[in-house]
Amino acid sequence: MKKNILVTGGSGFIGSAIVKYLIRNKHNVIVLDNNSRGRSRRIEEVKNEIKFIKGDIRNKTKLLSIHNKIDTVIHLAYVNGTKHFYKKPYEILDIAVNGLLNILEFCRHKKVKNFFLASSSEVYQNPLKFPTNEMEMLKIPDIHNPRYSYGGGKIFSELYGLHFAKKYLKKFIIFRPHNVYGKDMGNDHVIPEFINRFKKIGKRKSFLIHGTGNEIRSFIHIDDFISGFDKIFRKGKNTEIYNIGTSEKVKISYLVNLIAKIYKKKIKIRKSKLLKGSPSKRCPDIKKIKKLGFNQKISLRHGIKKIILND
């Protein structure tokens, strides 16, 4: 069924991929983004098929000036990237709190029925269970650590959004992406950072990482992410929470050596102190989304090759 959809943060890496998915499926799409982190070129190919509004999610007047009929909101507007967690904690929380309150007020005012909220694996911090399912305790281990501004903002968004939804919305779904990567994702994430550093080093060089290299992550290519999002968009149940990721456990040392091998460079990993608050391991339990029909198609090796060889 064709929907009228507002996507906040729609020129971001994940947001733009969702926008293109929606257009392929013949929905009417409005994008709201201030392009402070997003890039308009990401949605260039569909610019004639969408309505783009340049604006900050914290500007309620701008939001309420949208007169189009809207039945669904996909809310992604936020500040991502690990370095920003430490450098801009107030801005991150301001967007998380005031941005969410504004978009929910917009939903109430416009009688929006469906809301999809982008959360994050950061809400789990160092999980008690590994792999980690959606029932894991959400935590802020230390309110003085600016890193937790990101996860804390997402926890607030989930808690407030869920109880707002029970009063005003027909369907409310939370999705928690786990280390999504792909071409043109920006440089503030581990895979593009490593790739950019490999471009600049010689054939033999030490390669600095944070931590021991035994830290574990799970990465999902943007194409697989969209496949997962498609499942929850079409089949997800009201008030449910879904991890979107893969069960492929990857040590950071393996990731470094994989990229080195693709570039045909010999390196020696140089270890350093892990950033304060950075979790030692993170991998989602994806049983729930697999029950909706999701399966990983792109391995980490294949996904990174796609980025490097098509660069």
C-alpha atoms as a PDB file:
ATOM      1  CA  MET A   1       0.000   0.000   0.000  1.00  0.00           C
ATOM      2  CA  LYS A   2       1.398   3.388  -1.030  1.00  0.00           C
ATOM      3  CA  LYS A   3       2.293   5.605   1.935  1.00  0.00           C
ATOM      4  CA  ASN A   4       3.077   9.297   2.472  1.00  0.00           C
ATOM      5  CA  ILE A   5       6.321   9.206   4.438  1.00  0.00           C
ATOM      6  CA  LEU A   6       8.475  11.811   6.186  1.00  0.00           C
ATOM      7  CA  VAL A   7      12.110  10.763   6.685  1.00  0.00           C
ATOM      8  CA  THR A   8      14.115  12.897   9.121  1.00  0.00           C
ATOM      9  CA  GLY A   9      17.857  12.715   8.518  1.00  0.00           C
ATOM     10  CA  GLY A  10      17.133  11.448   5.017  1.00  0.00           C
ATOM     11  CA  SER A  11      20.375  12.647   3.435  1.00  0.00           C
ATOM     12  CA  GLY A  12      22.494  10.747   5.961  1.00  0.00           C
ATOM     13  CA  PHE A  13      24.189   7.460   5.105  1.00  0.00           C
ATOM     14  CA  ILE A  14      21.436   5.168   6.389  1.00  0.00           C
ATOM     15  CA  GLY A  15      18.665   7.690   5.784  1.00  0.00           C
ATOM     16  CA  SER A  16      19.487   8.127   2.097  1.00  0.00           C
ATOM     17  CA  ALA A  17      19.516   4.354   1.586  1.00  0.00           C
ATOM     18  CA  ILE A  18      16.073   4.130   3.201  1.00  0.00           C
ATOM     19  CA  VAL A  19      14.798   6.993   1.011  1.00  0.00           C
ATOM     20  CA  LYS A  20      15.933   5.181  -2.159  1.00  0.00           C
ATOM     21  CA  TYR A  21      14.310   1.971  -0.908  1.00  0.00           C
ATOM     22  CA  LEU A  22      11.021   3.819  -0.341  1.00  0.00           C
ATOM     23  CA  ILE A  23      11.123   5.383  -3.813  1.00  0.00           C
ATOM     24  CA  ARG A  24      11.774   1.973  -5.396  1.00  0.00           C
ATOM     25  CA  ASN A  25       8.628   0.802  -3.645  1.00  0.00           C
ATOM     26  CA  LYS A  26       6.577   3.713  -5.037  1.00  0.00           C
ATOM     27  CA  HIS A  27       5.958   5.618  -1.801  1.00  0.00           C
ATOM     28  CA  ASN A  28       5.608   9.403  -1.583  1.00  0.00           C
ATOM     29  CA  VAL A  29       8.634  10.713   0.332  1.00  0.00           C
ATOM     30  CA  ILE A  30       9.503  13.988   2.055  1.00  0.00           C
ATOM     31  CA  VAL A  31      13.034  14.373   3.440  1.00  0.00           C
ATOM     32  CA  LEU A  32      13.840  16.747   6.306  1.00  0.00           C
ATOM     33  CA  ASP A  33      17.553  17.299   6.899  1.00  0.00           C
ATOM     34  CA  ASN A  34      19.763  20.278   7.682  1.00  0.00           C
ATOM     35  CA  ASN A  35      22.685  18.587   5.873  1.00  0.00           C
ATOM     36  CA  SER A  36      25.008  19.287   8.818  1.00  0.00           C
ATOM     37  CA  ARG A  37      26.023  15.631   8.666  1.00  0.00           C
ATOM     38  CA  GLY A  38      24.032  14.442   5.681  1.00  0.00           C
ATOM     39  CA  ARG A  39      25.050  15.017   2.078  1.00  0.00           C
ATOM     40  CA  SER A  40      22.519  16.032  -0.538  1.00  0.00           C
ATOM     41  CA  ARG A  41      24.462  14.160  -3.245  1.00  0.00           C
ATOM     42  CA  ARG A  42      23.428  10.902  -1.594  1.00  0.00           C
ATOM     43  CA  ILE A  43      19.844  11.510  -2.725  1.00  0.00           C
ATOM     44  CA  GLU A  44      20.740  13.247  -5.990  1.00  0.00           C
ATOM     45  CA  GLU A  45      19.483  10.331  -8.103  1.00  0.00           C
ATOM     46  CA  VAL A  46      15.991  10.585  -6.592  1.00  0.00           C
ATOM     47  CA  LYS A  47      15.799  14.369  -6.121  1.00  0.00           C
ATOM     48  CA  ASN A  48      13.022  14.681  -8.707  1.00  0.00           C
ATOM     49  CA  GLU A  49      10.976  11.982  -6.979  1.00  0.00           C
ATOM     50  CA  ILE A  50      11.042  13.394  -3.448  1.00  0.00           C
ATOM     51  CA  LYS A  51      10.332  16.655  -1.681  1.00  0.00           C
ATOM     52  CA  PHE A  52      13.413  17.906   0.179  1.00  0.00           C
ATOM     53  CA  ILE A  53      13.076  20.365   3.052  1.00  0.00           C
ATOM     54  CA  LYS A  54      16.253  21.808   4.520  1.00  0.00           C
ATOM     55  CA  GLY A  55      15.671  22.241   8.221  1.00  0.00           C
ATOM     56  CA  ASP A  56      16.757  21.302  11.738  1.00  0.00           C
ATOM     57  CA  ILE A  57      14.623  18.790  13.621  1.00  0.00           C
ATOM     58  CA  ARG A  58      14.828  21.134  16.629  1.00  0.00           C
ATOM     59  CA  ASN A  59      12.953  23.844  14.708  1.00  0.00           C
ATOM     60  CA  LYS A  60       9.322  23.088  15.556  1.00  0.00           C
ATOM     61  CA  THR A  61       8.013  25.930  13.378  1.00  0.00           C
ATOM     62  CA  LYS A  62       9.755  24.443  10.345  1.00  0.00           C
ATOM     63  CA  LEU A  63       8.298  21.033  11.082  1.00  0.00           C
ATOM     64  CA  LEU A  64       4.757  22.267  11.565  1.00  0.00           C
ATOM     65  CA  SER A  65       4.988  24.227   8.303  1.00  0.00           C
ATOM     66  CA  ILE A  66       4.930  20.907   6.413  1.00  0.00           C
ATOM     67  CA  HIS A  67       1.390  20.821   5.051  1.00  0.00           C
ATOM     68  CA  ASN A  68       1.603  17.574   3.100  1.00  0.00           C
ATOM     69  CA  LYS A  69      -0.454  14.604   4.223  1.00  0.00           C
ATOM     70  CA  ILE A  70       1.796  12.289   6.257  1.00  0.00           C
ATOM     71  CA  ASP A  71       0.821   8.867   7.563  1.00  0.00           C
ATOM     72  CA  THR A  72       4.290   7.497   8.409  1.00  0.00           C
ATOM     73  CA  VAL A  73       7.442   8.983   9.961  1.00  0.00           C
ATOM     74  CA  ILE A  74      10.888   7.360   9.877  1.00  0.00           C
ATOM     75  CA  HIS A  75      12.997   9.245  12.412  1.00  0.00           C
ATOM     76  CA  LEU A  76      16.771   9.084  11.942  1.00  0.00           C
ATOM     77  CA  ALA A  77      17.923  12.691  12.505  1.00  0.00           C
ATOM     78  CA  TYR A  78      20.830  12.581  14.972  1.00  0.00           C
ATOM     79  CA  VAL A  79      24.595  13.092  15.247  1.00  0.00           C
ATOM     80  CA  ASN A  80      26.559   9.891  14.613  1.00  0.00           C
ATOM     81  CA  GLY A  81      30.295   9.109  14.677  1.00  0.00           C
ATOM     82  CA  THR A  82      32.325   8.069  17.723  1.00  0.00           C
ATOM     83  CA  LYS A  83      34.440  11.244  17.859  1.00  0.00           C
ATOM     84  CA  HIS A  84      31.258  13.326  18.126  1.00  0.00           C
ATOM     85  CA  PHE A  85      30.144  11.310  21.169  1.00  0.00           C
ATOM     86  CA  TYR A  86      33.130  12.727  23.054  1.00  0.00           C
ATOM     87  CA  LYS A  87      33.231  16.229  21.535  1.00  0.00           C
ATOM     88  CA  LYS A  88      29.556  17.248  21.245  1.00  0.00           C
ATOM     89  CA  PRO A  89      27.599  15.618  24.073  1.00  0.00           C
ATOM     90  CA  TYR A  90      25.270  18.604  24.640  1.00  0.00           C
ATOM     91  CA  GLU A  91      24.386  18.912  20.950  1.00  0.00           C
ATOM     92  CA  ILE A  92      23.731  15.172  20.707  1.00  0.00           C
ATOM     93  CA  LEU A  93      21.399  15.236  23.714  1.00  0.00           C
ATOM     94  CA  ASP A  94      19.690  18.434  22.516  1.00  0.00           C
ATOM     95  CA  ILE A  95      18.848  16.768  19.196  1.00  0.00           C
ATOM     96  CA  ALA A  96      17.823  13.552  20.943  1.00  0.00           C
ATOM     97  CA  VAL A  97      15.450  15.274  23.367  1.00  0.00           C
ATOM     98  CA  ASN A  98      14.137  18.378  21.631  1.00  0.00           C
ATOM     99  CA  GLY A  99      14.241  16.796  18.180  1.00  0.00           C
ATOM    100  CA  LEU A 100      12.176  13.854  19.376  1.00  0.00           C
ATOM    101  CA  LEU A 101       9.664  16.024  21.238  1.00  0.00           C
ATOM    102  CA  ASN A 102       9.191  18.142  18.118  1.00  0.00           C
ATOM    103  CA  ILE A 103       8.669  15.236  15.735  1.00  0.00           C
ATOM    104  CA  LEU A 104       6.226  13.567  18.113  1.00  0.00           C
ATOM    105  CA  GLU A 105       4.291  16.825  18.480  1.00  0.00           C
ATOM    106  CA  PHE A 106       4.233  16.963  14.673  1.00  0.00           C
ATOM    107  CA  CYS A 107       2.804  13.415  14.642  1.00  0.00           C
ATOM    108  CA  ARG A 108       0.094  14.329  17.129  1.00  0.00           C
ATOM    109  CA  HIS A 109      -0.769  17.495  15.217  1.00  0.00           C
ATOM    110  CA  LYS A 110      -0.831  15.743  11.814  1.00  0.00           C
ATOM    111  CA  LYS A 111      -2.497  12.568  13.138  1.00  0.00           C
ATOM    112  CA  VAL A 112       0.377  10.402  11.869  1.00  0.00           C
ATOM    113  CA  LYS A 113      -0.375   6.690  12.323  1.00  0.00           C
ATOM    114  CA  ASN A 114       3.006   4.935  11.969  1.00  0.00           C
ATOM    115  CA  PHE A 115       6.414   5.745  13.457  1.00  0.00           C
ATOM    116  CA  PHE A 116       9.740   3.952  12.907  1.00  0.00           C
ATOM    117  CA  LEU A 117      12.446   5.028  15.346  1.00  0.00           C
ATOM    118  CA  ALA A 118      16.141   4.528  14.613  1.00  0.00           C
ATOM    119  CA  SER A 119      17.923   3.605  17.831  1.00  0.00           C
ATOM    120  CA  SER A 120      21.416   2.108  18.149  1.00  0.00           C
ATOM    121  CA  SER A 121      23.479  -0.772  19.478  1.00  0.00           C
ATOM    122  CA  GLU A 122      25.030   1.878  21.785  1.00  0.00           C
ATOM    123  CA  VAL A 123      22.038   1.472  24.128  1.00  0.00           C
ATOM    124  CA  TYR A 124      23.491  -1.898  25.201  1.00  0.00           C
ATOM    125  CA  GLN A 125      26.977  -0.550  26.083  1.00  0.00           C
ATOM    126  CA  ASN A 126      28.912  -3.570  27.433  1.00  0.00           C
ATOM    127  CA  PRO A 127      26.150  -6.183  27.162  1.00  0.00           C
ATOM    128  CA  LEU A 128      25.521  -8.810  29.805  1.00  0.00           C
ATOM    129  CA  LYS A 129      24.614 -11.373  27.120  1.00  0.00           C
ATOM    130  CA  PHE A 130      26.584 -12.054  23.951  1.00  0.00           C
ATOM    131  CA  PRO A 131      25.213 -12.242  21.283  1.00  0.00           C
ATOM    132  CA  THR A 132      22.779  -9.640  22.554  1.00  0.00           C
ATOM    133  CA  ASN A 133      19.022  -9.817  22.063  1.00  0.00           C
ATOM    134  CA  GLU A 134      16.490  -7.008  22.219  1.00  0.00           C
ATOM    135  CA  MET A 135      15.604  -7.735  25.858  1.00  0.00           C
ATOM    136  CA  GLU A 136      19.095  -6.743  27.055  1.00  0.00           C
ATOM    137  CA  MET A 137      19.186  -4.165  29.848  1.00  0.00           C
ATOM    138  CA  LEU A 138      19.800  -0.638  28.526  1.00  0.00           C
ATOM    139  CA  LYS A 139      22.450   1.272  30.426  1.00  0.00           C
ATOM    140  CA  ILE A 140      24.326   4.507  31.019  1.00  0.00           C
ATOM    141  CA  PRO A 141      27.331   3.337  33.071  1.00  0.00           C
ATOM    142  CA  ASP A 142      28.703   6.810  33.856  1.00  0.00           C
ATOM    143  CA  ILE A 143      26.796  10.070  33.275  1.00  0.00           C
ATOM    144  CA  HIS A 144      30.082  12.017  33.406  1.00  0.00           C
ATOM    145  CA  ASN A 145      31.486  10.188  30.369  1.00  0.00           C
ATOM    146  CA  PRO A 146      30.470  12.210  27.276  1.00  0.00           C
ATOM    147  CA  ARG A 147      30.450   9.049  25.150  1.00  0.00           C
ATOM    148  CA  TYR A 148      27.205   7.980  26.753  1.00  0.00           C
ATOM    149  CA  SER A 149      25.413  11.080  25.471  1.00  0.00           C
ATOM    150  CA  TYR A 150      24.680   9.149  22.282  1.00  0.00           C
ATOM    151  CA  GLY A 151      23.383   5.954  23.871  1.00  0.00           C
ATOM    152  CA  GLY A 152      21.620   7.943  26.601  1.00  0.00           C
ATOM    153  CA  GLY A 153      19.813  10.039  23.994  1.00  0.00           C
ATOM    154  CA  LYS A 154      18.692   6.895  22.205  1.00  0.00           C
ATOM    155  CA  ILE A 155      17.447   5.337  25.452  1.00  0.00           C
ATOM    156  CA  PHE A 156      15.382   8.474  26.109  1.00  0.00           C
ATOM    157  CA  SER A 157      14.015   8.345  22.547  1.00  0.00           C
ATOM    158  CA  GLU A 158      12.942   4.730  22.959  1.00  0.00           C
ATOM    159  CA  LEU A 159      11.352   5.217  26.376  1.00  0.00           C
ATOM    160  CA  TYR A 160       9.498   8.442  25.613  1.00  0.00           C
ATOM    161  CA  GLY A 161       8.566   7.400  22.086  1.00  0.00           C
ATOM    162  CA  LEU A 162       7.135   4.062  23.175  1.00  0.00           C
ATOM    163  CA  HIS A 163       4.810   5.542  25.773  1.00  0.00           C
ATOM    164  CA  PHE A 164       3.788   8.401  23.489  1.00  0.00           C
ATOM    165  CA  ALA A 165       2.943   5.794  20.860  1.00  0.00           C
ATOM    166  CA  LYS A 166       0.634   3.869  23.153  1.00  0.00           C
ATOM    167  CA  LYS A 167      -1.465   7.005  23.470  1.00  0.00           C
ATOM    168  CA  TYR A 168      -1.302   8.544  20.000  1.00  0.00           C
ATOM    169  CA  LEU A 169      -0.003   6.141  17.323  1.00  0.00           C
ATOM    170  CA  LYS A 170      -1.286   3.044  15.563  1.00  0.00           C
ATOM    171  CA  LYS A 171       2.123   1.455  15.002  1.00  0.00           C
ATOM    172  CA  PHE A 172       5.487   2.216  16.638  1.00  0.00           C
ATOM    173  CA  ILE A 173       8.609   0.172  15.854  1.00  0.00           C
ATOM    174  CA  ILE A 174      12.171   0.605  17.127  1.00  0.00           C
ATOM    175  CA  PHE A 175      15.122  -0.663  15.088  1.00  0.00           C
ATOM    176  CA  ARG A 176      18.676  -0.882  16.432  1.00  0.00           C
ATOM    177  CA  PRO A 177      21.342  -0.887  13.679  1.00  0.00           C
ATOM    178  CA  HIS A 178      24.669  -2.580  14.451  1.00  0.00           C
ATOM    179  CA  ASN A 179      27.738  -1.102  12.718  1.00  0.00           C
ATOM    180  CA  VAL A 180      26.298  -0.447   9.269  1.00  0.00           C
ATOM    181  CA  TYR A 181      28.956   0.219   6.621  1.00  0.00           C
ATOM    182  CA  GLY A 182      29.184   0.902   2.901  1.00  0.00           C
ATOM    183  CA  LYS A 183      30.328   3.351   0.269  1.00  0.00           C
ATOM    184  CA  ASP A 184      30.100   7.084   1.103  1.00  0.00           C
ATOM    185  CA  MET A 185      29.312   6.594   4.777  1.00  0.00           C
ATOM    186  CA  GLY A 186      31.656   9.379   5.908  1.00  0.00           C
ATOM    187  CA  ASN A 187      34.929   9.077   7.792  1.00  0.00           C
ATOM    188  CA  ASP A 188      33.750   8.954  11.407  1.00  0.00           C
ATOM    189  CA  HIS A 189      33.419   5.165  11.666  1.00  0.00           C
ATOM    190  CA  VAL A 190      35.962   2.403  12.041  1.00  0.00           C
ATOM    191  CA  ILE A 191      35.848   0.849   8.536  1.00  0.00           C
ATOM    192  CA  PRO A 192      36.154   4.080   6.487  1.00  0.00           C
ATOM    193  CA  GLU A 193      38.738   5.393   8.961  1.00  0.00           C
ATOM    194  CA  PHE A 194      40.879   2.271   8.496  1.00  0.00           C
ATOM    195  CA  ILE A 195      40.446   2.346   4.705  1.00  0.00           C
ATOM    196  CA  ASN A 196      41.467   6.013   4.492  1.00  0.00           C
ATOM    197  CA  ARG A 197      44.541   5.375   6.620  1.00  0.00           C
ATOM    198  CA  PHE A 198      45.568   2.423   4.442  1.00  0.00           C
ATOM    199  CA  LYS A 199      45.411   4.657   1.360  1.00  0.00           C
ATOM    200  CA  LYS A 200      48.098   6.874   2.874  1.00  0.00           C
ATOM    201  CA  ILE A 201      50.617   4.351   4.222  1.00  0.00           C
ATOM    202  CA  GLY A 202      53.460   2.579   2.456  1.00  0.00           C
ATOM    203  CA  LYS A 203      53.852  -1.144   1.952  1.00  0.00           C
ATOM    204  CA  ARG A 204      55.282  -1.709   5.418  1.00  0.00           C
ATOM    205  CA  LYS A 205      54.046   0.336   8.341  1.00  0.00           C
ATOM    206  CA  SER A 206      52.826  -0.021  11.895  1.00  0.00           C
ATOM    207  CA  PHE A 207      49.077   0.480  12.193  1.00  0.00           C
ATOM    208  CA  LEU A 208      47.707   2.072  15.372  1.00  0.00           C
ATOM    209  CA  ILE A 209      44.410   0.864  16.813  1.00  0.00           C
ATOM    210  CA  HIS A 210      42.519   1.615  20.019  1.00  0.00           C
ATOM    211  CA  GLY A 211      42.513  -1.442  22.257  1.00  0.00           C
ATOM    212  CA  THR A 212      44.167  -4.843  22.013  1.00  0.00           C
ATOM    213  CA  GLY A 213      42.674  -5.910  18.679  1.00  0.00           C
ATOM    214  CA  ASN A 214      40.655  -8.613  20.430  1.00  0.00           C
ATOM    215  CA  GLU A 215      37.609  -6.351  20.727  1.00  0.00           C
ATOM    216  CA  ILE A 216      34.671  -7.826  18.819  1.00  0.00           C
ATOM    217  CA  ARG A 217      32.151  -6.138  16.552  1.00  0.00           C
ATOM    218  CA  SER A 218      29.545  -7.271  14.052  1.00  0.00           C
ATOM    219  CA  PHE A 219      29.274  -5.327  10.780  1.00  0.00           C
ATOM    220  CA  ILE A 220      26.404  -5.203   8.300  1.00  0.00           C
ATOM    221  CA  HIS A 221      26.660  -3.900   4.732  1.00  0.00           C
ATOM    222  CA  ILE A 222      24.160  -1.177   3.855  1.00  0.00           C
ATOM    223  CA  ASP A 223      22.487  -3.412   1.242  1.00  0.00           C
ATOM    224  CA  ASP A 224      21.869  -6.105   3.856  1.00  0.00           C
ATOM    225  CA  PHE A 225      20.691  -3.439   6.294  1.00  0.00           C
ATOM    226  CA  ILE A 226      18.057  -2.283   3.800  1.00  0.00           C
ATOM    227  CA  SER A 227      16.960  -5.894   3.363  1.00  0.00           C
ATOM    228  CA  GLY A 228      16.480  -6.057   7.139  1.00  0.00           C
ATOM    229  CA  PHE A 229      14.685  -2.724   7.257  1.00  0.00           C
ATOM    230  CA  ASP A 230      12.354  -3.924   4.502  1.00  0.00           C
ATOM    231  CA  LYS A 231      11.329  -6.854   6.697  1.00  0.00           C
ATOM    232  CA  ILE A 232      10.407  -4.693   9.686  1.00  0.00           C
ATOM    233  CA  PHE A 233       8.770  -2.035   7.510  1.00  0.00           C
ATOM    234  CA  ARG A 234       6.445  -4.588   5.923  1.00  0.00           C
ATOM    235  CA  LYS A 235       6.102  -7.207   8.653  1.00  0.00           C
ATOM    236  CA  GLY A 236       7.200  -5.633  11.941  1.00  0.00           C
ATOM    237  CA  LYS A 237       4.763  -5.706  14.832  1.00  0.00           C
ATOM    238  CA  ASN A 238       3.546  -2.752  16.862  1.00  0.00           C
ATOM    239  CA  THR A 239       5.759  -1.715  19.850  1.00  0.00           C
ATOM    240  CA  GLU A 240       8.387  -4.320  18.946  1.00  0.00           C
ATOM    241  CA  ILE A 241      12.147  -3.738  18.887  1.00  0.00           C
ATOM    242  CA  TYR A 242      14.414  -5.260  16.233  1.00  0.00           C
ATOM    243  CA  ASN A 243      18.183  -5.577  16.021  1.00  0.00           C
ATOM    244  CA  ILE A 244      19.369  -5.100  12.441  1.00  0.00           C
ATOM    245  CA  GLY A 245      22.815  -6.599  12.045  1.00  0.00           C
ATOM    246  CA  THR A 246      24.670  -9.829  11.405  1.00  0.00           C
ATOM    247  CA  SER A 247      25.874 -12.649  13.625  1.00  0.00           C
ATOM    248  CA  GLU A 248      29.354 -12.506  12.043  1.00  0.00           C
ATOM    249  CA  LYS A 249      31.702 -11.915  15.025  1.00  0.00           C
ATOM    250  CA  VAL A 250      34.760  -9.926  13.930  1.00  0.00           C
ATOM    251  CA  LYS A 251      37.881  -9.112  15.952  1.00  0.00           C
ATOM    252  CA  ILE A 252      39.268  -5.649  15.201  1.00  0.00           C
ATOM    253  CA  SER A 253      42.665  -7.248  14.490  1.00  0.00           C
ATOM    254  CA  TYR A 254      41.006  -9.422  11.834  1.00  0.00           C
ATOM    255  CA  LEU A 255      39.371  -6.347  10.305  1.00  0.00           C
ATOM    256  CA  VAL A 256      42.735  -4.557  10.060  1.00  0.00           C
ATOM    257  CA  ASN A 257      44.459  -7.569   8.508  1.00  0.00           C
ATOM    258  CA  LEU A 258      41.569  -8.106   6.078  1.00  0.00           C
ATOM    259  CA  ILE A 259      41.849  -4.540   4.748  1.00  0.00           C
ATOM    260  CA  ALA A 260      45.663  -4.840   4.634  1.00  0.00           C
ATOM    261  CA  LYS A 261      45.366  -8.012   2.550  1.00  0.00           C
ATOM    262  CA  ILE A 262      42.996  -6.358   0.060  1.00  0.00           C
ATOM    263  CA  TYR A 263      45.446  -3.448  -0.285  1.00  0.00           C
ATOM    264  CA  LYS A 264      48.377  -5.905  -0.440  1.00  0.00           C
ATOM    265  CA  LYS A 265      50.197  -4.154   2.372  1.00  0.00           C
ATOM    266  CA  LYS A 266      52.121  -5.683   5.241  1.00  0.00           C
ATOM    267  CA  ILE A 267      51.541  -3.972   8.547  1.00  0.00           C
ATOM    268  CA  LYS A 268      52.232  -4.495  12.206  1.00  0.00           C
ATOM    269  CA  ILE A 269      49.362  -3.680  14.536  1.00  0.00           C
ATOM    270  CA  ARG A 270      50.303  -1.189  17.243  1.00  0.00           C
ATOM    271  CA  LYS A 271      47.971  -1.294  20.234  1.00  0.00           C
ATOM    272  CA  SER A 272      46.850   1.600  22.438  1.00  0.00           C
ATOM    273  CA  LYS A 273      44.422   2.281  25.252  1.00  0.00           C
ATOM    274  CA  LEU A 274      40.782   1.663  24.415  1.00  0.00           C
ATOM    275  CA  LEU A 275      38.690   4.846  24.380  1.00  0.00           C
ATOM    276  CA  LYS A 276      36.970   5.286  27.742  1.00  0.00           C
ATOM    277  CA  GLY A 277      33.533   3.716  27.600  1.00  0.00           C
ATOM    278  CA  SER A 278      34.098   1.819  24.359  1.00  0.00           C
ATOM    279  CA  PRO A 279      32.619  -1.690  24.707  1.00  0.00           C
ATOM    280  CA  SER A 280      34.926  -4.691  24.407  1.00  0.00           C
ATOM    281  CA  LYS A 281      32.427  -6.751  22.427  1.00  0.00           C
ATOM    282  CA  ARG A 282      29.193  -6.229  20.571  1.00  0.00           C
ATOM    283  CA  CYS A 283      27.265  -8.630  18.381  1.00  0.00           C
ATOM    284  CA  PRO A 284      23.484  -8.803  18.013  1.00  0.00           C
ATOM    285  CA  ASP A 285      21.212 -11.767  18.403  1.00  0.00           C
ATOM    286  CA  ILE A 286      19.159 -11.506  15.185  1.00  0.00           C
ATOM    287  CA  LYS A 287      16.662 -14.336  15.732  1.00  0.00           C
ATOM    288  CA  LYS A 288      13.719 -11.893  15.752  1.00  0.00           C
ATOM    289  CA  ILE A 289      14.468 -10.328  12.384  1.00  0.00           C
ATOM    290  CA  LYS A 290      15.375 -13.689  10.872  1.00  0.00           C
ATOM    291  CA  LYS A 291      11.870 -14.858  11.756  1.00  0.00           C
ATOM    292  CA  LEU A 292      10.625 -12.068   9.471  1.00  0.00           C
ATOM    293  CA  GLY A 293      12.713 -13.521   6.628  1.00  0.00           C
ATOM    294  CA  PHE A 294      16.045 -11.688   6.918  1.00  0.00           C
ATOM    295  CA  ASN A 295      19.298 -13.381   5.894  1.00  0.00           C
ATOM    296  CA  GLN A 296      22.765 -11.889   5.474  1.00  0.00           C
ATOM    297  CA  LYS A 297      23.951 -11.997   1.863  1.00  0.00           C
ATOM    298  CA  ILE A 298      27.134  -9.906   1.915  1.00  0.00           C
ATOM    299  CA  SER A 299      30.090 -11.136   3.970  1.00  0.00           C
ATOM    300  CA  LEU A 300      32.446  -8.608   5.550  1.00  0.00           C
ATOM    301  CA  ARG A 301      35.208  -9.553   3.084  1.00  0.00           C
ATOM    302  CA  HIS A 302      32.896  -9.056   0.103  1.00  0.00           C
ATOM    303  CA  GLY A 303      31.458  -5.830   1.510  1.00  0.00           C
ATOM    304  CA  ILE A 304      34.840  -4.211   2.099  1.00  0.00           C
ATOM    305  CA  LYS A 305      36.026  -5.274  -1.351  1.00  0.00           C
ATOM    306  CA  LYS A 306      32.949  -3.565  -2.800  1.00  0.00           C
ATOM    307  CA  ILE A 307      33.997  -0.307  -1.140  1.00  0.00           C
ATOM    308  CA  ILE A 308      37.708  -0.477  -1.995  1.00  0.00           C
ATOM    309  CA  LEU A 309      37.532  -1.819  -5.543  1.00  0.00           C
ATOM    310  CA  ASN A 310      34.717   0.556  -6.560  1.00  0.00           C
ATOM    311  CA  ASP A 311      36.325   3.609  -4.953  1.00  0.00           C
END
